Each structure stands twice: as structure tokens, then as C-alpha cells.
Amino acid sequence: MFLIDNKKFPCGTSVTMRFIGGKWKAVILIHLAKGTKRYNEIRKEIPTITERTLSLQLKQLEDDGIIERKVYTQKPPLMVEYSLTEFGKTLIPVLRSICGWGNEAIKDSDKILVQN
């Protein structure tokens, strides 16, 4: 049993999912694996995510120490960049494995409809 933020987790898988679970965190992290990005760059690369959801997910990932938020106070405008921390970079092989599994599942399944 593991305890994080006063919540109990029965195994390592549940701990991992606590950090990357949900619809968008893994997607955001895969995009940040390519390098530092500004908020609007992430938004353009994931057009189906709402601004509110993106902001919340970025905040959670930052609070968990997975990404780093750097603010540049230029005038005008304010610029914010996001990048993976060293801890966050350790998740990339896991996420790439998940992505690879998903790609194989798409090829092997007649139940998945692929749309462009």
C-alpha cells in the first residue's frame, strides 16, 4: 500500500495512473516530450481540448512535479512556457509504450473506427 497526499494506492499501477490518468495528461506529456512549448502551441496541437481543461491539467502536472512552468515577464505580452522536469521525463518511455500498444490495437481490431 502506498500513501500519496493522504490517499491510499494499492499498487504501482494505481500510483502511475494517479499521475497520468484521465483523458488529457498523457497527451499533453507526449507533446511536451518533443520539447518546451508555449500554452498556445499546446492548444494548437490538441485542438479538441478546452482552454479550461488544458489549464487545469497543466496546473495538476505542475503541482505533481512532472512539468515546469516558466513565466517571462516581457512587456507586452506575458509569455509562459511549459517543459518536462527530470521526473516528468521518466514517464516518456511508459507513455511511448502505451502509444505503441494503442497503435497495434488499432491495426488488430475490427471494433475501432479510424477517422481522419
PDB file of N, CA and C in Angstrom:
ATOM      1  N   MET A   1       0.844  -1.184   0.000  1.00  0.00           N
ATOM      2  CA  MET A   1       0.000   0.000   0.000  1.00  0.00           C
ATOM      3  C   MET A   1       0.885   1.240   0.000  1.00  0.00           C
ATOM      4  N   PHE A   2       0.528   2.206  -0.833  1.00  0.00           N
ATOM      5  CA  PHE A   2       1.280   3.455  -0.944  1.00  0.00           C
ATOM      6  C   PHE A   2       0.380   4.615  -0.526  1.00  0.00           C
ATOM      7  N   LEU A   3       0.947   5.633   0.060  1.00  0.00           N
ATOM      8  CA  LEU A   3       0.192   6.793   0.511  1.00  0.00           C
ATOM      9  C   LEU A   3       0.749   8.038  -0.169  1.00  0.00           C
ATOM     10  N   ILE A   4      -0.099   8.743  -0.931  1.00  0.00           N
ATOM     11  CA  ILE A   4       0.287   9.989  -1.590  1.00  0.00           C
ATOM     12  C   ILE A   4      -0.816  10.997  -1.305  1.00  0.00           C
ATOM     13  N   ASP A   5      -0.438  12.136  -0.773  1.00  0.00           N
ATOM     14  CA  ASP A   5      -1.417  13.185  -0.445  1.00  0.00           C
ATOM     15  C   ASP A   5      -2.578  12.636   0.387  1.00  0.00           C
ATOM     16  N   ASN A   6      -2.248  11.796   1.345  1.00  0.00           N
ATOM     17  CA  ASN A   6      -3.227  11.178   2.254  1.00  0.00           C
ATOM     18  C   ASN A   6      -4.228  10.271   1.550  1.00  0.00           C
ATOM     19  N   LYS A   7      -3.896   9.814   0.350  1.00  0.00           N
ATOM     20  CA  LYS A   7      -4.735   8.857  -0.373  1.00  0.00           C
ATOM     21  C   LYS A   7      -3.962   7.563  -0.505  1.00  0.00           C
ATOM     22  N   LYS A   8      -4.668   6.447  -0.339  1.00  0.00           N
ATOM     23  CA  LYS A   8      -4.034   5.136  -0.416  1.00  0.00           C
ATOM     24  C   LYS A   8      -4.109   4.587  -1.837  1.00  0.00           C
ATOM     25  N   PHE A   9      -2.999   3.981  -2.249  1.00  0.00           N
ATOM     26  CA  PHE A   9      -2.915   3.354  -3.562  1.00  0.00           C
ATOM     27  C   PHE A   9      -2.431   1.920  -3.366  1.00  0.00           C
ATOM     28  N   PRO A  10      -3.139   0.945  -3.926  1.00  0.00           N
ATOM     29  CA  PRO A  10      -2.808  -0.454  -3.665  1.00  0.00           C
ATOM     30  C   PRO A  10      -1.578  -0.988  -4.387  1.00  0.00           C
ATOM     31  N   CYS A  11      -1.168  -0.313  -5.492  1.00  0.00           N
ATOM     32  CA  CYS A  11      -0.049  -0.849  -6.270  1.00  0.00           C
ATOM     33  C   CYS A  11       0.597   0.246  -7.114  1.00  0.00           C
ATOM     34  N   GLY A  12       1.713  -0.107  -7.724  1.00  0.00           N
ATOM     35  CA  GLY A  12       2.432   0.840  -8.574  1.00  0.00           C
ATOM     36  C   GLY A  12       1.623   1.333  -9.761  1.00  0.00           C
ATOM     37  N   THR A  13       0.779   0.463 -10.308  1.00  0.00           N
ATOM     38  CA  THR A  13      -0.052   0.876 -11.440  1.00  0.00           C
ATOM     39  C   THR A  13      -0.995   2.000 -11.031  1.00  0.00           C
ATOM     40  N   SER A  14      -1.589   1.871  -9.863  1.00  0.00           N
ATOM     41  CA  SER A  14      -2.513   2.916  -9.402  1.00  0.00           C
ATOM     42  C   SER A  14      -1.762   4.223  -9.122  1.00  0.00           C
ATOM     43  N   VAL A  15      -0.521   4.129  -8.659  1.00  0.00           N
ATOM     44  CA  VAL A  15       0.289   5.331  -8.458  1.00  0.00           C
ATOM     45  C   VAL A  15       0.562   5.998  -9.806  1.00  0.00           C
ATOM     46  N   THR A  16       0.960   5.218 -10.799  1.00  0.00           N
ATOM     47  CA  THR A  16       1.219   5.756 -12.135  1.00  0.00           C
ATOM     48  C   THR A  16      -0.016   6.445 -12.688  1.00  0.00           C
ATOM     49  N   MET A  17      -1.173   5.799 -12.573  1.00  0.00           N
ATOM     50  CA  MET A  17      -2.409   6.368 -13.101  1.00  0.00           C
ATOM     51  C   MET A  17      -2.828   7.622 -12.343  1.00  0.00           C
ATOM     52  N   ARG A  18      -2.429   7.718 -11.091  1.00  0.00           N
ATOM     53  CA  ARG A  18      -2.716   8.931 -10.320  1.00  0.00           C
ATOM     54  C   ARG A  18      -2.017  10.125 -10.973  1.00  0.00           C
ATOM     55  N   PHE A  19      -0.828   9.893 -11.527  1.00  0.00           N
ATOM     56  CA  PHE A  19      -0.078  10.971 -12.162  1.00  0.00           C
ATOM     57  C   PHE A  19      -0.492  11.233 -13.603  1.00  0.00           C
ATOM     58  N   ILE A  20      -0.822  10.201 -14.367  1.00  0.00           N
ATOM     59  CA  ILE A  20      -1.083  10.400 -15.805  1.00  0.00           C
ATOM     60  C   ILE A  20      -2.494  10.028 -16.227  1.00  0.00           C
ATOM     61  N   GLY A  21      -3.341   9.644 -15.270  1.00  0.00           N
ATOM     62  CA  GLY A  21      -4.687   9.205 -15.601  1.00  0.00           C
ATOM     63  C   GLY A  21      -5.549  10.325 -16.157  1.00  0.00           C
ATOM     64  N   GLY A  22      -6.622   9.943 -16.782  1.00  0.00           N
ATOM     65  CA  GLY A  22      -7.526  10.905 -17.389  1.00  0.00           C
ATOM     66  C   GLY A  22      -7.315  10.960 -18.888  1.00  0.00           C
ATOM     67  N   LYS A  23      -8.123  11.745 -19.524  1.00  0.00           N
ATOM     68  CA  LYS A  23      -8.129  11.803 -20.985  1.00  0.00           C
ATOM     69  C   LYS A  23      -6.960  12.592 -21.567  1.00  0.00           C
ATOM     70  N   TRP A  24      -6.443  13.594 -20.855  1.00  0.00           N
ATOM     71  CA  TRP A  24      -5.542  14.543 -21.484  1.00  0.00           C
ATOM     72  C   TRP A  24      -4.112  14.567 -20.983  1.00  0.00           C
ATOM     73  N   LYS A  25      -3.838  14.149 -19.765  1.00  0.00           N
ATOM     74  CA  LYS A  25      -2.479  14.300 -19.227  1.00  0.00           C
ATOM     75  C   LYS A  25      -1.438  13.597 -20.079  1.00  0.00           C
ATOM     76  N   ALA A  26      -1.687  12.373 -20.453  1.00  0.00           N
ATOM     77  CA  ALA A  26      -0.715  11.632 -21.266  1.00  0.00           C
ATOM     78  C   ALA A  26      -0.510  12.304 -22.622  1.00  0.00           C
ATOM     79  N   VAL A  27      -1.582  12.828 -23.195  1.00  0.00           N
ATOM     80  CA  VAL A  27      -1.485  13.509 -24.494  1.00  0.00           C
ATOM     81  C   VAL A  27      -0.634  14.768 -24.362  1.00  0.00           C
ATOM     82  N   ILE A  28      -0.864  15.537 -23.321  1.00  0.00           N
ATOM     83  CA  ILE A  28      -0.074  16.743 -23.071  1.00  0.00           C
ATOM     84  C   ILE A  28       1.401  16.379 -22.909  1.00  0.00           C
ATOM     85  N   LEU A  29       1.663  15.345 -22.129  1.00  0.00           N
ATOM     86  CA  LEU A  29       3.043  14.943 -21.876  1.00  0.00           C
ATOM     87  C   LEU A  29       3.761  14.470 -23.134  1.00  0.00           C
ATOM     88  N   ILE A  30       3.064  13.744 -23.996  1.00  0.00           N
ATOM     89  CA  ILE A  30       3.669  13.299 -25.262  1.00  0.00           C
ATOM     90  C   ILE A  30       4.058  14.510 -26.111  1.00  0.00           C
ATOM     91  N   HIS A  31       3.226  15.540 -26.124  1.00  0.00           N
ATOM     92  CA  HIS A  31       3.565  16.750 -26.877  1.00  0.00           C
ATOM     93  C   HIS A  31       4.748  17.470 -26.245  1.00  0.00           C
ATOM     94  N   LEU A  32       4.826  17.499 -24.923  1.00  0.00           N
ATOM     95  CA  LEU A  32       5.952  18.145 -24.249  1.00  0.00           C
ATOM     96  C   LEU A  32       7.236  17.322 -24.359  1.00  0.00           C
ATOM     97  N   ALA A  33       7.109  16.045 -24.672  1.00  0.00           N
ATOM     98  CA  ALA A  33       8.297  15.203 -24.863  1.00  0.00           C
ATOM     99  C   ALA A  33       9.113  15.695 -26.057  1.00  0.00           C
ATOM    100  N   LYS A  34       8.468  16.393 -26.983  1.00  0.00           N
ATOM    101  CA  LYS A  34       9.144  16.926 -28.163  1.00  0.00           C
ATOM    102  C   LYS A  34       9.925  18.198 -27.850  1.00  0.00           C
ATOM    103  N   GLY A  35       9.684  18.771 -26.658  1.00  0.00           N
ATOM    104  CA  GLY A  35      10.404  19.977 -26.256  1.00  0.00           C
ATOM    105  C   GLY A  35       9.502  20.986 -25.592  1.00  0.00           C
ATOM    106  N   THR A  36      10.113  22.047 -25.124  1.00  0.00           N
ATOM    107  CA  THR A  36       9.402  23.130 -24.443  1.00  0.00           C
ATOM    108  C   THR A  36       8.376  23.750 -25.379  1.00  0.00           C
ATOM    109  N   LYS A  37       7.194  24.036 -24.816  1.00  0.00           N
ATOM    110  CA  LYS A  37       6.133  24.625 -25.628  1.00  0.00           C
ATOM    111  C   LYS A  37       5.431  25.733 -24.851  1.00  0.00           C
ATOM    112  N   ARG A  38       4.955  26.707 -25.599  1.00  0.00           N
ATOM    113  CA  ARG A  38       4.112  27.744 -25.014  1.00  0.00           C
ATOM    114  C   ARG A  38       2.680  27.227 -24.948  1.00  0.00           C
ATOM    115  N   TYR A  39       1.887  27.854 -24.093  1.00  0.00           N
ATOM    116  CA  TYR A  39       0.498  27.432 -23.890  1.00  0.00           C
ATOM    117  C   TYR A  39      -0.245  27.331 -25.228  1.00  0.00           C
ATOM    118  N   ASN A  40      -0.136  28.366 -26.051  1.00  0.00           N
ATOM    119  CA  ASN A  40      -0.873  28.378 -27.323  1.00  0.00           C
ATOM    120  C   ASN A  40      -0.390  27.297 -28.287  1.00  0.00           C
ATOM    121  N   GLU A  41       0.870  26.935 -28.212  1.00  0.00           N
ATOM    122  CA  GLU A  41       1.377  25.839 -29.048  1.00  0.00           C
ATOM    123  C   GLU A  41       0.715  24.520 -28.647  1.00  0.00           C
ATOM    124  N   ILE A  42       0.636  24.281 -27.353  1.00  0.00           N
ATOM    125  CA  ILE A  42      -0.021  23.057 -26.870  1.00  0.00           C
ATOM    126  C   ILE A  42      -1.475  23.064 -27.302  1.00  0.00           C
ATOM    127  N   ARG A  43      -2.117  24.198 -27.148  1.00  0.00           N
ATOM    128  CA  ARG A  43      -3.541  24.340 -27.507  1.00  0.00           C
ATOM    129  C   ARG A  43      -3.763  24.031 -28.994  1.00  0.00           C
ATOM    130  N   LYS A  44      -2.873  24.501 -29.859  1.00  0.00           N
ATOM    131  CA  LYS A  44      -2.998  24.253 -31.294  1.00  0.00           C
ATOM    132  C   LYS A  44      -2.756  22.784 -31.641  1.00  0.00           C
ATOM    133  N   GLU A  45      -1.845  22.141 -30.906  1.00  0.00           N
ATOM    134  CA  GLU A  45      -1.537  20.741 -31.178  1.00  0.00           C
ATOM    135  C   GLU A  45      -2.620  19.790 -30.661  1.00  0.00           C
ATOM    136  N   ILE A  46      -3.425  20.261 -29.724  1.00  0.00           N
ATOM    137  CA  ILE A  46      -4.519  19.447 -29.170  1.00  0.00           C
ATOM    138  C   ILE A  46      -5.804  20.277 -29.298  1.00  0.00           C
ATOM    139  N   PRO A  47      -6.310  20.434 -30.517  1.00  0.00           N
ATOM    140  CA  PRO A  47      -7.431  21.362 -30.733  1.00  0.00           C
ATOM    141  C   PRO A  47      -8.750  20.966 -30.062  1.00  0.00           C
ATOM    142  N   THR A  48      -8.904  19.703 -29.691  1.00  0.00           N
ATOM    143  CA  THR A  48     -10.179  19.280 -29.092  1.00  0.00           C
ATOM    144  C   THR A  48     -10.237  19.481 -27.576  1.00  0.00           C
ATOM    145  N   ILE A  49      -9.145  19.910 -26.959  1.00  0.00           N
ATOM    146  CA  ILE A  49      -9.145  20.175 -25.526  1.00  0.00           C
ATOM    147  C   ILE A  49      -9.632  21.602 -25.283  1.00  0.00           C
ATOM    148  N   THR A  50     -10.446  21.787 -24.257  1.00  0.00           N
ATOM    149  CA  THR A  50     -10.906  23.140 -23.945  1.00  0.00           C
ATOM    150  C   THR A  50      -9.810  23.890 -23.200  1.00  0.00           C
ATOM    151  N   GLU A  51      -9.869  25.209 -23.243  1.00  0.00           N
ATOM    152  CA  GLU A  51      -8.870  26.017 -22.543  1.00  0.00           C
ATOM    153  C   GLU A  51      -8.907  25.743 -21.046  1.00  0.00           C
ATOM    154  N   ARG A  52     -10.083  25.613 -20.489  1.00  0.00           N
ATOM    155  CA  ARG A  52     -10.226  25.355 -19.059  1.00  0.00           C
ATOM    156  C   ARG A  52      -9.571  24.023 -18.684  1.00  0.00           C
ATOM    157  N   THR A  53      -9.857  22.992 -19.469  1.00  0.00           N
ATOM    158  CA  THR A  53      -9.297  21.675 -19.186  1.00  0.00           C
ATOM    159  C   THR A  53      -7.780  21.691 -19.328  1.00  0.00           C
ATOM    160  N   LEU A  54      -7.279  22.325 -20.376  1.00  0.00           N
ATOM    161  CA  LEU A  54      -5.827  22.406 -20.568  1.00  0.00           C
ATOM    162  C   LEU A  54      -5.178  23.112 -19.376  1.00  0.00           C
ATOM    163  N   SER A  55      -5.745  24.225 -18.959  1.00  0.00           N
ATOM    164  CA  SER A  55      -5.199  24.959 -17.816  1.00  0.00           C
ATOM    165  C   SER A  55      -5.192  24.112 -16.552  1.00  0.00           C
ATOM    166  N   LEU A  56      -6.288  23.401 -16.296  1.00  0.00           N
ATOM    167  CA  LEU A  56      -6.375  22.554 -15.102  1.00  0.00           C
ATOM    168  C   LEU A  56      -5.374  21.406 -15.142  1.00  0.00           C
ATOM    169  N   GLN A  57      -5.252  20.771 -16.306  1.00  0.00           N
ATOM    170  CA  GLN A  57      -4.336  19.646 -16.435  1.00  0.00           C
ATOM    171  C   GLN A  57      -2.881  20.098 -16.291  1.00  0.00           C
ATOM    172  N   LEU A  58      -2.546  21.239 -16.894  1.00  0.00           N
ATOM    173  CA  LEU A  58      -1.194  21.774 -16.762  1.00  0.00           C
ATOM    174  C   LEU A  58      -0.887  22.098 -15.299  1.00  0.00           C
ATOM    175  N   LYS A  59      -1.847  22.671 -14.607  1.00  0.00           N
ATOM    176  CA  LYS A  59      -1.659  23.005 -13.194  1.00  0.00           C
ATOM    177  C   LYS A  59      -1.431  21.746 -12.361  1.00  0.00           C
ATOM    178  N   GLN A  60      -2.226  20.697 -12.608  1.00  0.00           N
ATOM    179  CA  GLN A  60      -2.060  19.438 -11.874  1.00  0.00           C
ATOM    180  C   GLN A  60      -0.696  18.813 -12.153  1.00  0.00           C
ATOM    181  N   LEU A  61      -0.287  18.813 -13.414  1.00  0.00           N
ATOM    182  CA  LEU A  61       1.020  18.247 -13.780  1.00  0.00           C
ATOM    183  C   LEU A  61       2.156  19.052 -13.143  1.00  0.00           C
ATOM    184  N   GLU A  62       1.985  20.356 -13.066  1.00  0.00           N
ATOM    185  CA  GLU A  62       2.985  21.198 -12.408  1.00  0.00           C
ATOM    186  C   GLU A  62       3.013  20.919 -10.902  1.00  0.00           C
ATOM    187  N   ASP A  63       1.845  20.842 -10.281  1.00  0.00           N
ATOM    188  CA  ASP A  63       1.767  20.556  -8.842  1.00  0.00           C
ATOM    189  C   ASP A  63       2.394  19.208  -8.496  1.00  0.00           C
ATOM    190  N   ASP A  64       2.303  18.251  -9.422  1.00  0.00           N
ATOM    191  CA  ASP A  64       2.872  16.919  -9.207  1.00  0.00           C
ATOM    192  C   ASP A  64       4.368  16.850  -9.526  1.00  0.00           C
ATOM    193  N   GLY A  65       4.927  17.952 -10.012  1.00  0.00           N
ATOM    194  CA  GLY A  65       6.358  17.976 -10.305  1.00  0.00           C
ATOM    195  C   GLY A  65       6.732  17.305 -11.609  1.00  0.00           C
ATOM    196  N   ILE A  66       5.759  17.122 -12.489  1.00  0.00           N
ATOM    197  CA  ILE A  66       6.002  16.443 -13.762  1.00  0.00           C
ATOM    198  C   ILE A  66       6.385  17.440 -14.855  1.00  0.00           C
ATOM    199  N   ILE A  67       5.795  18.622 -14.791  1.00  0.00           N
ATOM    200  CA  ILE A  67       6.170  19.674 -15.734  1.00  0.00           C
ATOM    201  C   ILE A  67       6.595  20.918 -14.961  1.00  0.00           C
ATOM    202  N   GLU A  68       7.280  21.780 -15.686  1.00  0.00           N
ATOM    203  CA  GLU A  68       7.749  23.038 -15.118  1.00  0.00           C
ATOM    204  C   GLU A  68       7.129  24.170 -15.917  1.00  0.00           C
ATOM    205  N   ARG A  69       6.682  25.184 -15.232  1.00  0.00           N
ATOM    206  CA  ARG A  69       6.087  26.366 -15.855  1.00  0.00           C
ATOM    207  C   ARG A  69       7.051  27.527 -15.651  1.00  0.00           C
ATOM    208  N   LYS A  70       7.449  28.138 -16.756  1.00  0.00           N
ATOM    209  CA  LYS A  70       8.369  29.273 -16.677  1.00  0.00           C
ATOM    210  C   LYS A  70       7.674  30.498 -17.254  1.00  0.00           C
ATOM    211  N   VAL A  71       7.645  31.565 -16.468  1.00  0.00           N
ATOM    212  CA  VAL A  71       6.973  32.797 -16.871  1.00  0.00           C
ATOM    213  C   VAL A  71       8.023  33.836 -17.228  1.00  0.00           C
ATOM    214  N   TYR A  72       7.854  34.419 -18.414  1.00  0.00           N
ATOM    215  CA  TYR A  72       8.707  35.517 -18.862  1.00  0.00           C
ATOM    216  C   TYR A  72       7.875  36.784 -18.793  1.00  0.00           C
ATOM    217  N   THR A  73       8.340  37.749 -18.028  1.00  0.00           N
ATOM    218  CA  THR A  73       7.561  38.972 -17.838  1.00  0.00           C
ATOM    219  C   THR A  73       8.032  40.074 -18.775  1.00  0.00           C
ATOM    220  N   GLN A  74       7.849  39.821 -20.058  1.00  0.00           N
ATOM    221  CA  GLN A  74       8.177  40.821 -21.059  1.00  0.00           C
ATOM    222  C   GLN A  74       6.978  41.749 -21.197  1.00  0.00           C
ATOM    223  N   LYS A  75       7.218  42.911 -21.709  1.00  0.00           N
ATOM    224  CA  LYS A  75       6.092  43.816 -21.959  1.00  0.00           C
ATOM    225  C   LYS A  75       6.059  44.126 -23.427  1.00  0.00           C
ATOM    226  N   PRO A  76       4.890  44.134 -24.036  1.00  0.00           N
ATOM    227  CA  PRO A  76       3.904  43.071 -23.863  1.00  0.00           C
ATOM    228  C   PRO A  76       4.319  41.874 -24.673  1.00  0.00           C
ATOM    229  N   PRO A  77       3.770  40.762 -24.655  1.00  0.00           N
ATOM    230  CA  PRO A  77       2.838  40.257 -23.661  1.00  0.00           C
ATOM    231  C   PRO A  77       3.581  39.330 -22.689  1.00  0.00           C
ATOM    232  N   LEU A  78       2.881  38.850 -21.712  1.00  0.00           N
ATOM    233  CA  LEU A  78       3.414  37.852 -20.785  1.00  0.00           C
ATOM    234  C   LEU A  78       3.573  36.542 -21.547  1.00  0.00           C
ATOM    235  N   MET A  79       4.699  35.870 -21.382  1.00  0.00           N
ATOM    236  CA  MET A  79       4.908  34.601 -22.080  1.00  0.00           C
ATOM    237  C   MET A  79       5.136  33.499 -21.050  1.00  0.00           C
ATOM    238  N   VAL A  80       4.479  32.362 -21.251  1.00  0.00           N
ATOM    239  CA  VAL A  80       4.614  31.215 -20.356  1.00  0.00           C
ATOM    240  C   VAL A  80       5.015  30.008 -21.189  1.00  0.00           C
ATOM    241  N   GLU A  81       6.026  29.290 -20.716  1.00  0.00           N
ATOM    242  CA  GLU A  81       6.472  28.067 -21.383  1.00  0.00           C
ATOM    243  C   GLU A  81       6.367  26.898 -20.414  1.00  0.00           C
ATOM    244  N   TYR A  82       6.090  25.735 -20.998  1.00  0.00           N
ATOM    245  CA  TYR A  82       5.991  24.505 -20.224  1.00  0.00           C
ATOM    246  C   TYR A  82       7.010  23.509 -20.748  1.00  0.00           C
ATOM    247  N   SER A  83       7.634  22.786 -19.832  1.00  0.00           N
ATOM    248  CA  SER A  83       8.576  21.741 -20.213  1.00  0.00           C
ATOM    249  C   SER A  83       8.520  20.630 -19.171  1.00  0.00           C
ATOM    250  N   LEU A  84       9.041  19.479 -19.552  1.00  0.00           N
ATOM    251  CA  LEU A  84       9.100  18.352 -18.635  1.00  0.00           C
ATOM    252  C   LEU A  84      10.214  18.558 -17.617  1.00  0.00           C
ATOM    253  N   THR A  85       9.959  18.162 -16.387  1.00  0.00           N
ATOM    254  CA  THR A  85      11.017  18.111 -15.386  1.00  0.00           C
ATOM    255  C   THR A  85      11.788  16.810 -15.593  1.00  0.00           C
ATOM    256  N   GLU A  86      12.870  16.628 -14.866  1.00  0.00           N
ATOM    257  CA  GLU A  86      13.595  15.357 -14.944  1.00  0.00           C
ATOM    258  C   GLU A  86      12.670  14.209 -14.527  1.00  0.00           C
ATOM    259  N   PHE A  87      11.876  14.431 -13.503  1.00  0.00           N
ATOM    260  CA  PHE A  87      10.900  13.429 -13.062  1.00  0.00           C
ATOM    261  C   PHE A  87       9.891  13.138 -14.177  1.00  0.00           C
ATOM    262  N   GLY A  88       9.419  14.178 -14.834  1.00  0.00           N
ATOM    263  CA  GLY A  88       8.473  14.010 -15.933  1.00  0.00           C
ATOM    264  C   GLY A  88       9.053  13.235 -17.104  1.00  0.00           C
ATOM    265  N   LYS A  89      10.328  13.447 -17.371  1.00  0.00           N
ATOM    266  CA  LYS A  89      10.985  12.737 -18.477  1.00  0.00           C
ATOM    267  C   LYS A  89      11.017  11.228 -18.245  1.00  0.00           C
ATOM    268  N   THR A  90      10.966  10.805 -16.984  1.00  0.00           N
ATOM    269  CA  THR A  90      10.975   9.367 -16.707  1.00  0.00           C
ATOM    270  C   THR A  90       9.677   8.699 -17.143  1.00  0.00           C
ATOM    271  N   LEU A  91       8.636   9.480 -17.364  1.00  0.00           N
ATOM    272  CA  LEU A  91       7.355   8.929 -17.818  1.00  0.00           C
ATOM    273  C   LEU A  91       7.311   8.678 -19.327  1.00  0.00           C
ATOM    274  N   ILE A  92       8.185   9.291 -20.085  1.00  0.00           N
ATOM    275  CA  ILE A  92       8.100   9.227 -21.542  1.00  0.00           C
ATOM    276  C   ILE A  92       8.211   7.800 -22.091  1.00  0.00           C
ATOM    277  N   PRO A  93       9.142   6.957 -21.621  1.00  0.00           N
ATOM    278  CA  PRO A  93       9.147   5.577 -22.126  1.00  0.00           C
ATOM    279  C   PRO A  93       7.836   4.838 -21.838  1.00  0.00           C
ATOM    280  N   VAL A  94       7.238   5.103 -20.701  1.00  0.00           N
ATOM    281  CA  VAL A  94       5.952   4.485 -20.349  1.00  0.00           C
ATOM    282  C   VAL A  94       4.875   4.947 -21.328  1.00  0.00           C
ATOM    283  N   LEU A  95       4.827   6.238 -21.578  1.00  0.00           N
ATOM    284  CA  LEU A  95       3.815   6.787 -22.480  1.00  0.00           C
ATOM    285  C   LEU A  95       4.019   6.312 -23.917  1.00  0.00           C
ATOM    286  N   ARG A  96       5.267   6.187 -24.329  1.00  0.00           N
ATOM    287  CA  ARG A  96       5.533   5.683 -25.690  1.00  0.00           C
ATOM    288  C   ARG A  96       5.097   4.226 -25.814  1.00  0.00           C
ATOM    289  N   SER A  97       5.267   3.443 -24.765  1.00  0.00           N
ATOM    290  CA  SER A  97       4.793   2.050 -24.773  1.00  0.00           C
ATOM    291  C   SER A  97       3.274   1.993 -24.868  1.00  0.00           C
ATOM    292  N   ILE A  98       2.611   2.864 -24.115  1.00  0.00           N
ATOM    293  CA  ILE A  98       1.148   2.922 -24.169  1.00  0.00           C
ATOM    294  C   ILE A  98       0.693   3.315 -25.573  1.00  0.00           C
ATOM    295  N   CYS A  99       1.363   4.290 -26.169  1.00  0.00           N
ATOM    296  CA  CYS A  99       1.039   4.734 -27.526  1.00  0.00           C
ATOM    297  C   CYS A  99       1.240   3.598 -28.530  1.00  0.00           C
ATOM    298  N   GLY A 100       2.351   2.889 -28.401  1.00  0.00           N
ATOM    299  CA  GLY A 100       2.618   1.761 -29.295  1.00  0.00           C
ATOM    300  C   GLY A 100       1.564   0.682 -29.174  1.00  0.00           C
ATOM    301  N   TRP A 101       1.150   0.394 -27.947  1.00  0.00           N
ATOM    302  CA  TRP A 101       0.103  -0.601 -27.736  1.00  0.00           C
ATOM    303  C   TRP A 101      -1.189  -0.144 -28.406  1.00  0.00           C
ATOM    304  N   GLY A 102      -1.518   1.129 -28.251  1.00  0.00           N
ATOM    305  CA  GLY A 102      -2.730   1.664 -28.880  1.00  0.00           C
ATOM    306  C   GLY A 102      -2.683   1.571 -30.390  1.00  0.00           C
ATOM    307  N   ASN A 103      -1.517   1.861 -30.980  1.00  0.00           N
ATOM    308  CA  ASN A 103      -1.373   1.762 -32.434  1.00  0.00           C
ATOM    309  C   ASN A 103      -1.557   0.325 -32.912  1.00  0.00           C
ATOM    310  N   GLU A 104      -1.006  -0.628 -32.169  1.00  0.00           N
ATOM    311  CA  GLU A 104      -1.190  -2.042 -32.527  1.00  0.00           C
ATOM    312  C   GLU A 104      -2.648  -2.466 -32.364  1.00  0.00           C
ATOM    313  N   ALA A 105      -3.294  -1.987 -31.316  1.00  0.00           N
ATOM    314  CA  ALA A 105      -4.705  -2.322 -31.088  1.00  0.00           C
ATOM    315  C   ALA A 105      -5.574  -1.808 -32.236  1.00  0.00           C
ATOM    316  N   ILE A 106      -5.231  -0.636 -32.748  1.00  0.00           N
ATOM    317  CA  ILE A 106      -5.970  -0.072 -33.882  1.00  0.00           C
ATOM    318  C   ILE A 106      -5.834  -0.982 -35.097  1.00  0.00           C
ATOM    319  N   LYS A 107      -4.616  -1.459 -35.359  1.00  0.00           N
ATOM    320  CA  LYS A 107      -4.374  -2.333 -36.515  1.00  0.00           C
ATOM    321  C   LYS A 107      -5.087  -3.671 -36.372  1.00  0.00           C
ATOM    322  N   ASP A 108      -5.107  -4.206 -35.154  1.00  0.00           N
ATOM    323  CA  ASP A 108      -5.589  -5.559 -34.927  1.00  0.00           C
ATOM    324  C   ASP A 108      -7.076  -5.667 -34.609  1.00  0.00           C
ATOM    325  N   SER A 109      -7.752  -4.565 -34.469  1.00  0.00           N
ATOM    326  CA  SER A 109      -9.136  -4.633 -34.036  1.00  0.00           C
ATOM    327  C   SER A 109     -10.105  -4.203 -35.126  1.00  0.00           C
ATOM    328  N   ASP A 110     -11.154  -4.968 -35.250  1.00  0.00           N
ATOM    329  CA  ASP A 110     -12.213  -4.565 -36.178  1.00  0.00           C
ATOM    330  C   ASP A 110     -13.276  -3.736 -35.450  1.00  0.00           C
ATOM    331  N   LYS A 111     -13.068  -3.470 -34.175  1.00  0.00           N
ATOM    332  CA  LYS A 111     -14.023  -2.706 -33.378  1.00  0.00           C
ATOM    333  C   LYS A 111     -13.664  -1.241 -33.288  1.00  0.00           C
ATOM    334  N   ILE A 112     -12.480  -0.871 -33.766  1.00  0.00           N
ATOM    335  CA  ILE A 112     -12.035   0.509 -33.691  1.00  0.00           C
ATOM    336  C   ILE A 112     -12.218   1.178 -35.038  1.00  0.00           C
ATOM    337  N   LEU A 113     -12.951   2.263 -35.038  1.00  0.00           N
ATOM    338  CA  LEU A 113     -13.193   3.027 -36.243  1.00  0.00           C
ATOM    339  C   LEU A 113     -12.180   4.151 -36.313  1.00  0.00           C
ATOM    340  N   VAL A 114     -11.424   4.219 -37.383  1.00  0.00           N
ATOM    341  CA  VAL A 114     -10.413   5.258 -37.552  1.00  0.00           C
ATOM    342  C   VAL A 114     -10.999   6.332 -38.444  1.00  0.00           C
ATOM    343  N   GLN A 115     -10.983   7.584 -37.951  1.00  0.00           N
ATOM    344  CA  GLN A 115     -11.471   8.707 -38.732  1.00  0.00           C
ATOM    345  C   GLN A 115     -10.353   9.707 -38.901  1.00  0.00           C
ATOM    346  N   ASN A 116     -10.309  10.362 -40.034  1.00  0.00           N
ATOM    347  CA  ASN A 116      -9.301  11.401 -40.284  1.00  0.00           C
ATOM    348  C   ASN A 116      -9.926  12.757 -40.154  1.00  0.00           C
TER     349      ASN A 116
END
